Amino acid sequence: MFGLDIFERGVLAERERGRGSMTDHAERPLLFLDVDGPLLPFGEGPQRAPRGTTPDSRLARLTSEVGSRLAALPCELVWATTWEEEANAEIAPRIGLPRLPVVSWPEPIDQHKREDQWFGLCWKTRTLVNWAGGRPFAWVDDEITNADREWVSVHHSGRALLHHVESYRGLADEDFAVLDQWLRAF
């Protein structure tokens, strides 16, 4: 079983006591957004630049339609990307989004790093669960696996949707449909 830190033990203790206070948020669910893959697809295709293009040419593929579709979802958008604050400077204006909250990535704890590698977890999973603090969340990323889903189901007291997006195509109509349906179920 995974080692539990103080926060995780507290979440489990609350769950065992049946209080559920960490999941009874009146706030809208969070939507953690990755950039590379979901918003900036990799690979070649009819609407994608060939490999070896400059970063600026990749950014030129961003459209306001994606931003409008994200803004229309009933949630609070949060950047969950290695771009960190650069997502607000470079991505948000190009797709018509306001400045969004940004997840900062802490230095990994050696024990967690070893466990994450052993169980095949994405390096973002623990941080996002801690950042959500029991609040319902959806997460779109091209690195999500079943191991992440299982870990979140055990360590997160709220509802969660971990939605894998194919990195070669990015967010597509079917991804927005899944997100919209899940987010509107609240």
N, C-alpha and C. Protein backbone atom coordinates (compact mmCIF):
# COMPACT_ATOMS: atom_id res chain seq x y z
N MET A 1 0.85 -1.19 0.00
CA MET A 1 0.00 0.00 0.00
C MET A 1 0.89 1.24 0.00
N PHE A 2 0.35 2.33 -0.48
CA PHE A 2 1.09 3.58 -0.56
C PHE A 2 1.35 4.13 0.84
N GLY A 3 2.49 4.79 1.03
CA GLY A 3 2.74 5.47 2.29
C GLY A 3 1.87 6.71 2.36
N LEU A 4 1.37 7.03 3.54
CA LEU A 4 0.47 8.17 3.69
C LEU A 4 1.18 9.30 4.39
N ASP A 5 1.04 10.52 3.85
CA ASP A 5 1.59 11.66 4.56
C ASP A 5 0.52 12.20 5.52
N ILE A 6 0.83 13.24 6.26
CA ILE A 6 -0.10 13.76 7.27
C ILE A 6 -1.41 14.19 6.66
N PHE A 7 -1.37 14.89 5.53
CA PHE A 7 -2.61 15.33 4.87
C PHE A 7 -3.47 14.13 4.48
N GLU A 8 -2.84 13.13 3.88
CA GLU A 8 -3.58 11.96 3.41
C GLU A 8 -4.21 11.19 4.58
N ARG A 9 -3.49 11.09 5.70
CA ARG A 9 -4.06 10.43 6.87
C ARG A 9 -5.27 11.19 7.38
N GLY A 10 -5.20 12.53 7.33
CA GLY A 10 -6.34 13.35 7.77
C GLY A 10 -7.56 13.15 6.89
N VAL A 11 -7.34 13.07 5.58
CA VAL A 11 -8.45 12.84 4.65
C VAL A 11 -9.11 11.50 4.94
N LEU A 12 -8.28 10.46 5.13
CA LEU A 12 -8.83 9.13 5.40
C LEU A 12 -9.55 9.10 6.74
N ALA A 13 -9.02 9.79 7.75
CA ALA A 13 -9.67 9.83 9.05
C ALA A 13 -11.04 10.49 8.94
N GLU A 14 -11.13 11.59 8.20
CA GLU A 14 -12.42 12.26 8.00
C GLU A 14 -13.39 11.33 7.30
N ARG A 15 -12.93 10.62 6.30
CA ARG A 15 -13.78 9.69 5.54
C ARG A 15 -14.30 8.59 6.47
N GLU A 16 -13.41 8.05 7.32
CA GLU A 16 -13.81 6.98 8.23
C GLU A 16 -14.82 7.46 9.25
N ARG A 17 -14.71 8.70 9.70
CA ARG A 17 -15.66 9.25 10.66
C ARG A 17 -17.00 9.57 9.98
N GLY A 18 -17.01 9.58 8.65
CA GLY A 18 -18.26 9.79 7.93
C GLY A 18 -18.71 11.23 7.86
N ARG A 19 -17.83 12.16 8.20
CA ARG A 19 -18.24 13.56 8.18
C ARG A 19 -18.47 14.07 6.77
N GLY A 20 -17.56 13.72 5.87
CA GLY A 20 -17.71 14.16 4.48
C GLY A 20 -17.56 15.66 4.31
N SER A 21 -17.11 16.38 5.31
CA SER A 21 -17.06 17.84 5.22
C SER A 21 -16.16 18.33 4.10
N MET A 22 -15.15 17.55 3.74
CA MET A 22 -14.24 18.01 2.70
C MET A 22 -14.85 17.91 1.31
N THR A 23 -15.96 17.16 1.17
CA THR A 23 -16.58 17.04 -0.14
C THR A 23 -17.83 17.89 -0.27
N ASP A 24 -18.26 18.54 0.79
CA ASP A 24 -19.49 19.32 0.76
C ASP A 24 -19.25 20.77 0.38
N HIS A 25 -18.44 21.01 -0.62
CA HIS A 25 -18.14 22.36 -1.06
C HIS A 25 -19.27 22.92 -1.90
N ALA A 26 -19.65 24.16 -1.64
CA ALA A 26 -20.65 24.82 -2.47
C ALA A 26 -20.00 25.36 -3.75
N GLU A 27 -18.68 25.36 -3.78
CA GLU A 27 -17.95 25.88 -4.93
C GLU A 27 -18.07 24.93 -6.12
N ARG A 28 -17.85 25.50 -7.29
CA ARG A 28 -17.85 24.67 -8.49
C ARG A 28 -16.63 23.75 -8.48
N PRO A 29 -16.73 22.63 -9.18
CA PRO A 29 -15.56 21.74 -9.26
C PRO A 29 -14.40 22.42 -9.96
N LEU A 30 -13.22 21.91 -9.72
CA LEU A 30 -12.01 22.39 -10.38
C LEU A 30 -11.81 21.61 -11.68
N LEU A 31 -11.17 22.26 -12.66
CA LEU A 31 -10.71 21.57 -13.86
C LEU A 31 -9.24 21.89 -14.03
N PHE A 32 -8.39 20.90 -13.73
CA PHE A 32 -6.95 21.05 -13.88
C PHE A 32 -6.59 20.84 -15.35
N LEU A 33 -5.92 21.84 -15.94
CA LEU A 33 -5.58 21.83 -17.36
C LEU A 33 -4.08 21.68 -17.59
N ASP A 34 -3.73 20.67 -18.34
CA ASP A 34 -2.36 20.54 -18.84
C ASP A 34 -2.31 21.27 -20.18
N VAL A 35 -1.14 21.74 -20.58
CA VAL A 35 -1.00 22.47 -21.85
C VAL A 35 -0.46 21.55 -22.94
N ASP A 36 0.75 21.02 -22.75
CA ASP A 36 1.38 20.21 -23.80
C ASP A 36 0.68 18.87 -23.94
N GLY A 37 0.08 18.66 -25.08
CA GLY A 37 -0.72 17.47 -25.34
C GLY A 37 -2.18 17.86 -25.47
N PRO A 38 -2.86 18.22 -24.37
CA PRO A 38 -4.27 18.59 -24.47
C PRO A 38 -4.55 19.89 -25.23
N LEU A 39 -3.81 20.95 -24.96
CA LEU A 39 -4.04 22.22 -25.66
C LEU A 39 -3.10 22.42 -26.84
N LEU A 40 -1.89 21.92 -26.71
CA LEU A 40 -0.90 21.97 -27.79
C LEU A 40 -0.53 20.55 -28.17
N PRO A 41 -1.27 19.96 -29.11
CA PRO A 41 -1.00 18.57 -29.49
C PRO A 41 0.39 18.39 -30.09
N PHE A 42 0.90 17.18 -29.93
CA PHE A 42 2.17 16.79 -30.53
C PHE A 42 1.87 16.04 -31.82
N GLY A 43 2.85 15.90 -32.67
CA GLY A 43 2.69 15.06 -33.85
C GLY A 43 2.15 15.79 -35.05
N GLU A 44 2.06 15.05 -36.12
CA GLU A 44 1.61 15.62 -37.38
C GLU A 44 0.16 15.26 -37.62
N GLY A 45 -0.52 16.07 -38.36
CA GLY A 45 -1.90 15.83 -38.72
C GLY A 45 -2.38 16.98 -39.57
N PRO A 46 -3.63 16.93 -40.03
CA PRO A 46 -4.11 17.95 -40.94
C PRO A 46 -4.07 19.36 -40.37
N GLN A 47 -4.25 19.51 -39.05
CA GLN A 47 -4.25 20.85 -38.46
C GLN A 47 -3.05 21.06 -37.54
N ARG A 48 -2.06 20.23 -37.66
CA ARG A 48 -0.90 20.32 -36.77
C ARG A 48 0.35 20.62 -37.57
N ALA A 49 1.20 21.37 -36.95
CA ALA A 49 2.46 21.70 -37.61
C ALA A 49 3.37 20.48 -37.58
N PRO A 50 4.23 20.34 -38.57
CA PRO A 50 5.16 19.21 -38.58
C PRO A 50 6.14 19.29 -37.42
N ARG A 51 6.73 18.14 -37.11
CA ARG A 51 7.74 18.10 -36.04
C ARG A 51 8.87 19.07 -36.36
N GLY A 52 9.48 19.56 -35.30
CA GLY A 52 10.61 20.46 -35.48
C GLY A 52 10.21 21.91 -35.69
N THR A 53 8.92 22.23 -35.51
CA THR A 53 8.50 23.62 -35.66
C THR A 53 8.90 24.40 -34.42
N THR A 54 8.93 25.70 -34.55
CA THR A 54 9.31 26.54 -33.43
C THR A 54 8.17 26.63 -32.43
N PRO A 55 8.47 26.97 -31.16
CA PRO A 55 7.40 27.11 -30.16
C PRO A 55 6.34 28.14 -30.59
N ASP A 56 6.77 29.23 -31.21
CA ASP A 56 5.80 30.24 -31.63
C ASP A 56 4.83 29.70 -32.65
N SER A 57 5.30 28.84 -33.55
CA SER A 57 4.38 28.29 -34.55
C SER A 57 3.42 27.31 -33.89
N ARG A 58 3.86 26.61 -32.86
CA ARG A 58 2.94 25.75 -32.11
C ARG A 58 1.87 26.59 -31.42
N LEU A 59 2.27 27.71 -30.83
CA LEU A 59 1.31 28.57 -30.13
C LEU A 59 0.30 29.17 -31.10
N ALA A 60 0.70 29.37 -32.35
CA ALA A 60 -0.20 29.95 -33.35
C ALA A 60 -1.40 29.04 -33.61
N ARG A 61 -1.29 27.77 -33.25
CA ARG A 61 -2.40 26.83 -33.46
C ARG A 61 -3.49 26.98 -32.42
N LEU A 62 -3.22 27.69 -31.33
CA LEU A 62 -4.23 27.88 -30.30
C LEU A 62 -5.35 28.76 -30.84
N THR A 63 -6.59 28.41 -30.49
CA THR A 63 -7.72 29.19 -30.99
C THR A 63 -8.61 29.67 -29.86
N SER A 64 -9.32 30.73 -30.13
CA SER A 64 -10.26 31.26 -29.14
C SER A 64 -11.43 30.29 -28.94
N GLU A 65 -11.68 29.43 -29.92
CA GLU A 65 -12.77 28.45 -29.78
C GLU A 65 -12.50 27.53 -28.59
N VAL A 66 -11.26 27.07 -28.45
CA VAL A 66 -10.91 26.21 -27.32
C VAL A 66 -11.13 26.96 -26.01
N GLY A 67 -10.69 28.21 -25.96
CA GLY A 67 -10.88 29.01 -24.76
C GLY A 67 -12.35 29.21 -24.43
N SER A 68 -13.16 29.48 -25.44
CA SER A 68 -14.60 29.66 -25.23
C SER A 68 -15.25 28.39 -24.70
N ARG A 69 -14.84 27.27 -25.26
CA ARG A 69 -15.41 25.99 -24.81
C ARG A 69 -15.00 25.68 -23.37
N LEU A 70 -13.75 25.98 -23.03
CA LEU A 70 -13.31 25.77 -21.65
C LEU A 70 -14.04 26.70 -20.70
N ALA A 71 -14.17 27.97 -21.07
CA ALA A 71 -14.84 28.97 -20.22
C ALA A 71 -16.31 28.63 -20.01
N ALA A 72 -16.94 27.94 -20.96
CA ALA A 72 -18.36 27.59 -20.86
C ALA A 72 -18.61 26.41 -19.92
N LEU A 73 -17.57 25.68 -19.56
CA LEU A 73 -17.74 24.55 -18.65
C LEU A 73 -18.05 25.05 -17.24
N PRO A 74 -18.93 24.38 -16.50
CA PRO A 74 -19.31 24.81 -15.15
C PRO A 74 -18.27 24.39 -14.10
N CYS A 75 -17.14 25.08 -14.12
CA CYS A 75 -16.04 24.73 -13.21
C CYS A 75 -15.12 25.91 -13.05
N GLU A 76 -14.16 25.75 -12.15
CA GLU A 76 -13.08 26.72 -12.00
C GLU A 76 -11.86 26.14 -12.69
N LEU A 77 -11.37 26.84 -13.72
CA LEU A 77 -10.20 26.39 -14.47
C LEU A 77 -8.93 26.69 -13.70
N VAL A 78 -7.98 25.75 -13.72
CA VAL A 78 -6.70 25.88 -13.03
C VAL A 78 -5.62 25.31 -13.93
N TRP A 79 -4.53 26.05 -14.12
CA TRP A 79 -3.40 25.53 -14.89
C TRP A 79 -2.68 24.47 -14.07
N ALA A 80 -2.50 23.29 -14.66
CA ALA A 80 -1.76 22.19 -14.02
C ALA A 80 -0.72 21.73 -15.04
N THR A 81 0.28 22.57 -15.24
CA THR A 81 1.23 22.38 -16.33
C THR A 81 2.62 22.85 -15.90
N THR A 82 3.62 22.32 -16.55
CA THR A 82 4.98 22.80 -16.29
C THR A 82 5.17 24.23 -16.79
N TRP A 83 4.23 24.72 -17.58
CA TRP A 83 4.29 26.13 -18.02
C TRP A 83 4.12 27.06 -16.82
N GLU A 84 3.47 26.61 -15.78
CA GLU A 84 3.15 27.39 -14.59
C GLU A 84 2.63 28.78 -14.98
N GLU A 85 3.21 29.87 -14.45
CA GLU A 85 2.70 31.23 -14.74
C GLU A 85 2.81 31.61 -16.21
N GLU A 86 3.72 30.97 -16.95
CA GLU A 86 3.83 31.25 -18.39
C GLU A 86 2.53 30.91 -19.11
N ALA A 87 1.74 29.99 -18.56
CA ALA A 87 0.44 29.68 -19.17
C ALA A 87 -0.46 30.90 -19.16
N ASN A 88 -0.40 31.70 -18.10
CA ASN A 88 -1.19 32.93 -18.05
C ASN A 88 -0.66 33.98 -19.02
N ALA A 89 0.65 34.01 -19.21
CA ALA A 89 1.25 35.01 -20.10
C ALA A 89 1.13 34.62 -21.57
N GLU A 90 1.30 33.34 -21.89
CA GLU A 90 1.37 32.92 -23.29
C GLU A 90 0.12 32.21 -23.82
N ILE A 91 -0.51 31.39 -22.99
CA ILE A 91 -1.63 30.58 -23.46
C ILE A 91 -2.97 31.30 -23.27
N ALA A 92 -3.24 31.76 -22.05
CA ALA A 92 -4.54 32.36 -21.75
C ALA A 92 -4.94 33.48 -22.72
N PRO A 93 -4.06 34.44 -23.01
CA PRO A 93 -4.48 35.51 -23.93
C PRO A 93 -4.77 35.01 -25.35
N ARG A 94 -4.06 33.98 -25.78
CA ARG A 94 -4.26 33.46 -27.13
C ARG A 94 -5.58 32.71 -27.29
N ILE A 95 -6.11 32.20 -26.19
CA ILE A 95 -7.38 31.47 -26.28
C ILE A 95 -8.52 32.22 -25.59
N GLY A 96 -8.26 33.44 -25.17
CA GLY A 96 -9.32 34.27 -24.62
C GLY A 96 -9.73 33.97 -23.20
N LEU A 97 -8.82 33.43 -22.42
CA LEU A 97 -9.12 33.16 -21.02
C LEU A 97 -8.49 34.24 -20.14
N PRO A 98 -9.11 34.50 -18.98
CA PRO A 98 -8.47 35.41 -18.01
C PRO A 98 -7.31 34.70 -17.34
N ARG A 99 -6.59 35.42 -16.48
CA ARG A 99 -5.56 34.77 -15.66
C ARG A 99 -6.24 33.71 -14.81
N LEU A 100 -5.61 32.55 -14.75
CA LEU A 100 -6.15 31.43 -13.97
C LEU A 100 -5.23 31.11 -12.81
N PRO A 101 -5.76 30.47 -11.77
CA PRO A 101 -4.87 29.97 -10.72
C PRO A 101 -3.89 28.97 -11.33
N VAL A 102 -2.73 28.85 -10.71
CA VAL A 102 -1.67 27.99 -11.23
C VAL A 102 -1.19 27.05 -10.12
N VAL A 103 -1.12 25.77 -10.44
CA VAL A 103 -0.54 24.80 -9.51
C VAL A 103 0.97 24.94 -9.58
N SER A 104 1.59 25.13 -8.42
CA SER A 104 3.06 25.15 -8.34
C SER A 104 3.51 23.75 -7.95
N TRP A 105 4.55 23.29 -8.61
CA TRP A 105 5.02 21.93 -8.39
C TRP A 105 6.13 21.92 -7.35
N PRO A 106 5.91 21.30 -6.20
CA PRO A 106 6.96 21.23 -5.17
C PRO A 106 8.04 20.24 -5.58
N GLU A 107 9.17 20.36 -4.94
CA GLU A 107 10.22 19.36 -5.13
C GLU A 107 9.70 18.04 -4.59
N PRO A 108 9.85 16.97 -5.34
CA PRO A 108 9.31 15.68 -4.89
C PRO A 108 10.07 15.15 -3.68
N ILE A 109 9.33 14.51 -2.79
CA ILE A 109 9.91 13.83 -1.64
C ILE A 109 10.41 12.48 -2.15
N ASP A 110 11.63 12.10 -1.78
CA ASP A 110 12.23 10.87 -2.28
C ASP A 110 11.32 9.65 -2.12
N GLN A 111 10.70 9.51 -0.94
CA GLN A 111 9.83 8.36 -0.70
C GLN A 111 8.67 8.36 -1.70
N HIS A 112 8.04 9.52 -1.90
CA HIS A 112 6.93 9.62 -2.85
C HIS A 112 7.39 9.34 -4.27
N LYS A 113 8.57 9.84 -4.60
CA LYS A 113 9.10 9.62 -5.95
C LYS A 113 9.28 8.13 -6.23
N ARG A 114 9.84 7.41 -5.26
CA ARG A 114 10.03 5.96 -5.40
C ARG A 114 8.68 5.24 -5.51
N GLU A 115 7.74 5.61 -4.64
CA GLU A 115 6.42 4.98 -4.68
C GLU A 115 5.71 5.27 -6.01
N ASP A 116 5.79 6.51 -6.45
CA ASP A 116 5.13 6.89 -7.70
C ASP A 116 5.70 6.10 -8.87
N GLN A 117 7.01 5.94 -8.91
CA GLN A 117 7.62 5.15 -9.96
C GLN A 117 7.20 3.69 -9.87
N TRP A 118 7.18 3.15 -8.67
CA TRP A 118 6.80 1.76 -8.47
C TRP A 118 5.38 1.49 -8.95
N PHE A 119 4.45 2.39 -8.59
CA PHE A 119 3.04 2.19 -8.92
C PHE A 119 2.65 2.79 -10.26
N GLY A 120 3.57 3.48 -10.94
CA GLY A 120 3.29 4.04 -12.25
C GLY A 120 2.44 5.29 -12.22
N LEU A 121 2.56 6.08 -11.15
CA LEU A 121 1.78 7.32 -11.05
C LEU A 121 2.42 8.44 -11.84
N CYS A 122 1.59 9.30 -12.38
CA CYS A 122 2.07 10.55 -12.97
C CYS A 122 2.65 11.40 -11.85
N TRP A 123 3.69 12.13 -12.15
CA TRP A 123 4.35 12.95 -11.14
C TRP A 123 3.45 14.08 -10.62
N LYS A 124 2.35 14.38 -11.28
CA LYS A 124 1.45 15.46 -10.87
C LYS A 124 0.37 15.01 -9.88
N THR A 125 0.10 13.73 -9.82
CA THR A 125 -1.10 13.21 -9.14
C THR A 125 -1.19 13.64 -7.69
N ARG A 126 -0.16 13.40 -6.89
CA ARG A 126 -0.21 13.75 -5.46
C ARG A 126 -0.46 15.24 -5.26
N THR A 127 0.24 16.05 -6.03
CA THR A 127 0.11 17.50 -5.87
C THR A 127 -1.31 17.97 -6.19
N LEU A 128 -1.91 17.42 -7.24
CA LEU A 128 -3.26 17.84 -7.61
C LEU A 128 -4.29 17.43 -6.56
N VAL A 129 -4.14 16.23 -6.00
CA VAL A 129 -5.05 15.80 -4.94
C VAL A 129 -4.90 16.72 -3.73
N ASN A 130 -3.68 17.04 -3.35
CA ASN A 130 -3.48 17.95 -2.23
C ASN A 130 -4.02 19.35 -2.54
N TRP A 131 -3.80 19.83 -3.76
CA TRP A 131 -4.27 21.16 -4.17
C TRP A 131 -5.80 21.22 -4.11
N ALA A 132 -6.47 20.15 -4.53
CA ALA A 132 -7.94 20.12 -4.53
C ALA A 132 -8.49 20.13 -3.11
N GLY A 133 -7.77 19.56 -2.16
CA GLY A 133 -8.20 19.60 -0.77
C GLY A 133 -9.58 19.01 -0.52
N GLY A 134 -9.93 17.95 -1.22
CA GLY A 134 -11.23 17.32 -1.04
C GLY A 134 -12.30 17.83 -1.98
N ARG A 135 -12.02 18.91 -2.66
CA ARG A 135 -12.98 19.50 -3.60
C ARG A 135 -13.08 18.64 -4.86
N PRO A 136 -14.27 18.50 -5.45
CA PRO A 136 -14.39 17.73 -6.70
C PRO A 136 -13.52 18.34 -7.80
N PHE A 137 -12.90 17.46 -8.60
CA PHE A 137 -12.09 17.98 -9.69
C PHE A 137 -12.07 17.04 -10.88
N ALA A 138 -11.88 17.66 -12.04
CA ALA A 138 -11.57 16.93 -13.27
C ALA A 138 -10.15 17.34 -13.64
N TRP A 139 -9.47 16.43 -14.31
CA TRP A 139 -8.09 16.69 -14.72
C TRP A 139 -7.92 16.16 -16.12
N VAL A 140 -7.48 17.03 -17.04
CA VAL A 140 -7.20 16.60 -18.41
C VAL A 140 -5.69 16.66 -18.63
N ASP A 141 -5.15 15.53 -19.10
CA ASP A 141 -3.71 15.41 -19.27
C ASP A 141 -3.45 14.23 -20.19
N ASP A 142 -2.31 14.25 -20.85
CA ASP A 142 -1.94 13.13 -21.71
C ASP A 142 -1.08 12.11 -20.98
N GLU A 143 -0.83 12.30 -19.68
CA GLU A 143 0.00 11.38 -18.91
C GLU A 143 -0.79 10.55 -17.92
N ILE A 144 -2.10 10.70 -17.86
CA ILE A 144 -2.93 9.99 -16.89
C ILE A 144 -3.03 8.51 -17.25
N THR A 145 -2.92 7.66 -16.21
CA THR A 145 -3.06 6.21 -16.40
C THR A 145 -4.08 5.66 -15.39
N ASN A 146 -4.38 4.39 -15.49
CA ASN A 146 -5.27 3.74 -14.53
C ASN A 146 -4.68 3.77 -13.12
N ALA A 147 -3.36 3.73 -13.01
CA ALA A 147 -2.73 3.80 -11.69
C ALA A 147 -3.07 5.12 -11.01
N ASP A 148 -3.11 6.21 -11.77
CA ASP A 148 -3.49 7.52 -11.21
C ASP A 148 -4.94 7.50 -10.75
N ARG A 149 -5.81 6.93 -11.56
CA ARG A 149 -7.24 6.85 -11.21
C ARG A 149 -7.43 6.06 -9.91
N GLU A 150 -6.75 4.93 -9.81
CA GLU A 150 -6.87 4.11 -8.60
C GLU A 150 -6.35 4.85 -7.37
N TRP A 151 -5.20 5.51 -7.52
CA TRP A 151 -4.61 6.24 -6.39
C TRP A 151 -5.54 7.35 -5.93
N VAL A 152 -6.09 8.10 -6.88
CA VAL A 152 -7.00 9.20 -6.54
C VAL A 152 -8.25 8.66 -5.86
N SER A 153 -8.78 7.54 -6.31
CA SER A 153 -10.00 7.00 -5.69
C SER A 153 -9.77 6.63 -4.23
N VAL A 154 -8.55 6.27 -3.87
CA VAL A 154 -8.22 5.92 -2.49
C VAL A 154 -7.86 7.16 -1.67
N HIS A 155 -7.21 8.14 -2.27
CA HIS A 155 -6.63 9.25 -1.51
C HIS A 155 -7.37 10.58 -1.62
N HIS A 156 -8.43 10.63 -2.40
CA HIS A 156 -9.18 11.89 -2.56
C HIS A 156 -10.60 11.68 -2.06
N SER A 157 -11.04 12.53 -1.16
CA SER A 157 -12.36 12.35 -0.54
C SER A 157 -13.51 12.86 -1.42
N GLY A 158 -13.21 13.66 -2.42
CA GLY A 158 -14.26 14.16 -3.30
C GLY A 158 -14.34 13.37 -4.59
N ARG A 159 -15.29 13.77 -5.43
CA ARG A 159 -15.41 13.13 -6.74
C ARG A 159 -14.27 13.61 -7.63
N ALA A 160 -13.85 12.75 -8.54
CA ALA A 160 -12.76 13.13 -9.44
C ALA A 160 -12.94 12.42 -10.78
N LEU A 161 -12.62 13.15 -11.84
CA LEU A 161 -12.58 12.59 -13.18
C LEU A 161 -11.19 12.84 -13.73
N LEU A 162 -10.45 11.78 -13.97
CA LEU A 162 -9.13 11.88 -14.58
C LEU A 162 -9.30 11.47 -16.03
N HIS A 163 -9.22 12.45 -16.92
CA HIS A 163 -9.53 12.23 -18.33
C HIS A 163 -8.27 12.31 -19.17
N HIS A 164 -7.90 11.17 -19.72
CA HIS A 164 -6.72 11.11 -20.59
C HIS A 164 -7.05 11.69 -21.95
N VAL A 165 -6.20 12.59 -22.44
CA VAL A 165 -6.36 13.19 -23.77
C VAL A 165 -5.19 12.70 -24.62
N GLU A 166 -5.50 12.24 -25.81
CA GLU A 166 -4.46 11.79 -26.73
C GLU A 166 -3.58 12.97 -27.13
N SER A 167 -2.29 12.85 -26.88
CA SER A 167 -1.37 13.96 -27.12
C SER A 167 -1.22 14.32 -28.59
N TYR A 168 -1.49 13.37 -29.49
CA TYR A 168 -1.33 13.66 -30.91
C TYR A 168 -2.49 14.47 -31.46
N ARG A 169 -3.65 14.51 -30.74
CA ARG A 169 -4.79 15.25 -31.26
C ARG A 169 -5.26 16.38 -30.36
N GLY A 170 -4.96 16.32 -29.07
CA GLY A 170 -5.41 17.36 -28.15
C GLY A 170 -6.89 17.23 -27.84
N LEU A 171 -7.40 18.23 -27.09
CA LEU A 171 -8.81 18.22 -26.71
C LEU A 171 -9.68 18.24 -27.95
N ALA A 172 -10.63 17.32 -28.01
CA ALA A 172 -11.53 17.20 -29.16
C ALA A 172 -12.97 17.26 -28.66
N ASP A 173 -13.90 17.25 -29.60
CA ASP A 173 -15.33 17.32 -29.27
C ASP A 173 -15.73 16.29 -28.22
N GLU A 174 -15.27 15.06 -28.40
CA GLU A 174 -15.67 14.01 -27.46
C GLU A 174 -15.12 14.27 -26.05
N ASP A 175 -13.95 14.89 -25.94
CA ASP A 175 -13.40 15.23 -24.63
C ASP A 175 -14.25 16.30 -23.95
N PHE A 176 -14.63 17.32 -24.72
CA PHE A 176 -15.49 18.36 -24.15
C PHE A 176 -16.84 17.79 -23.73
N ALA A 177 -17.38 16.84 -24.47
CA ALA A 177 -18.66 16.22 -24.12
C ALA A 177 -18.56 15.48 -22.80
N VAL A 178 -17.48 14.71 -22.62
CA VAL A 178 -17.27 13.97 -21.37
C VAL A 178 -17.14 14.95 -20.20
N LEU A 179 -16.33 15.97 -20.36
CA LEU A 179 -16.13 16.96 -19.30
C LEU A 179 -17.43 17.67 -18.95
N ASP A 180 -18.15 18.13 -19.96
CA ASP A 180 -19.39 18.86 -19.74
C ASP A 180 -20.40 17.99 -18.98
N GLN A 181 -20.55 16.75 -19.40
CA GLN A 181 -21.51 15.85 -18.74
C GLN A 181 -21.11 15.62 -17.29
N TRP A 182 -19.84 15.35 -17.05
CA TRP A 182 -19.39 15.07 -15.68
C TRP A 182 -19.55 16.31 -14.80
N LEU A 183 -19.15 17.46 -15.31
CA LEU A 183 -19.20 18.69 -14.51
C LEU A 183 -20.64 19.14 -14.22
N ARG A 184 -21.55 18.89 -15.13
CA ARG A 184 -22.94 19.30 -14.93
C ARG A 184 -23.70 18.35 -14.00
N ALA A 185 -23.10 17.25 -13.62
CA ALA A 185 -23.75 16.30 -12.72
C ALA A 185 -23.76 16.78 -11.26
N PHE A 186 -23.23 17.97 -11.00
CA PHE A 186 -23.17 18.49 -9.62
C PHE A 186 -24.39 19.28 -9.29
